C-alpha atoms as a PDB file:
ATOM      1  CA  MET A   1      34.049  22.159 -25.009  1.00  0.00           C
ATOM      2  CA  SER A   2      36.080  19.106 -25.102  1.00  0.00           C
ATOM      3  CA  LEU A   3      34.753  15.499 -25.181  1.00  0.00           C
ATOM      4  CA  TRP A   4      35.600  14.571 -21.568  1.00  0.00           C
ATOM      5  CA  LYS A   5      33.920  17.676 -20.159  1.00  0.00           C
ATOM      6  CA  ARG A   6      30.745  16.872 -22.124  1.00  0.00           C
ATOM      7  CA  ILE A   7      30.845  13.382 -20.731  1.00  0.00           C
ATOM      8  CA  LYS A   8      31.546  14.276 -17.098  1.00  0.00           C
ATOM      9  CA  GLN A   9      28.685  16.975 -17.519  1.00  0.00           C
ATOM     10  CA  ALA A  10      26.244  14.214 -18.927  1.00  0.00           C
ATOM     11  CA  LEU A  11      27.098  12.036 -16.024  1.00  0.00           C
ATOM     12  CA  LYS A  12      26.605  14.797 -13.345  1.00  0.00           C
ATOM     13  CA  ASN A  13      23.363  15.492 -14.981  1.00  0.00           C
ATOM     14  CA  TYR A  14      22.156  11.821 -14.761  1.00  0.00           C
ATOM     15  CA  LEU A  15      23.202  11.352 -11.265  1.00  0.00           C
ATOM     16  CA  THR A  16      21.498  14.603 -10.132  1.00  0.00           C
ATOM     17  CA  ARG A  17      18.404  13.343 -11.878  1.00  0.00           C
ATOM     18  CA  MET A  18      18.859   9.917 -10.097  1.00  0.00           C
ATOM     19  CA  GLU A  19      19.248  11.449  -6.709  1.00  0.00           C
ATOM     20  CA  GLN A  20      16.043  13.616  -7.230  1.00  0.00           C
ATOM     21  CA  SER A  21      14.149  10.321  -8.100  1.00  0.00           C
ATOM     22  CA  ASN A  22      15.414   8.469  -5.333  1.00  0.00           C
ATOM     23  CA  LYS A  23      14.573  11.228  -2.919  1.00  0.00           C
ATOM     24  CA  GLU A  24      10.953  11.297  -4.135  1.00  0.00           C
ATOM     25  CA  LEU A  25      10.446   7.561  -3.721  1.00  0.00           C
ATOM     26  CA  PHE A  26      12.457   6.879  -0.476  1.00  0.00           C
ATOM     27  CA  GLY A  27      12.766  10.242   1.146  1.00  0.00           C
ATOM     28  CA  ASN A  28      15.711  11.968   2.611  1.00  0.00           C
ATOM     29  CA  GLY A  29      16.262   9.437   5.435  1.00  0.00           C
ATOM     30  CA  ARG A  30      18.785   6.510   5.718  1.00  0.00           C
ATOM     31  CA  LEU A  31      17.481   3.546   3.999  1.00  0.00           C
ATOM     32  CA  ASP A  32      16.350   0.536   6.071  1.00  0.00           C
ATOM     33  CA  CYS A  33      15.088  -2.715   4.602  1.00  0.00           C
ATOM     34  CA  CYS A  34      12.582  -3.066   7.499  1.00  0.00           C
ATOM     35  CA  LYS A  35      11.019   0.309   6.617  1.00  0.00           C
ATOM     36  CA  LEU A  36      11.138  -0.414   2.563  1.00  0.00           C
ATOM     37  CA  ASN A  37       9.570  -3.759   3.176  1.00  0.00           C
ATOM     38  CA  SER A  38       6.848  -2.604   5.404  1.00  0.00           C
ATOM     39  CA  SER A  39       5.586  -0.280   2.889  1.00  0.00           C
ATOM     40  CA  ARG A  40       5.339  -2.741   0.253  1.00  0.00           C
ATOM     41  CA  ASN A  41       2.492  -5.149  -0.474  1.00  0.00           C
ATOM     42  CA  ASP A  42       3.762  -8.737  -0.089  1.00  0.00           C
ATOM     43  CA  ARG A  43       1.506 -11.216  -2.097  1.00  0.00           C
ATOM     44  CA  ARG A  44       3.348 -14.331  -1.538  1.00  0.00           C
ATOM     45  CA  LEU A  45       1.634 -17.521  -1.860  1.00  0.00           C
END
């Protein structure tokens, strides 16, 4: 296997893992700043 194919496969695997992680954190829906901020606890003084 050539070097470029290994690099491409490693990048593809990384992006797949990142996608799965994002789905676990944010779900499958469209990201909306209002929805993200409503689930976060703001502790501003």
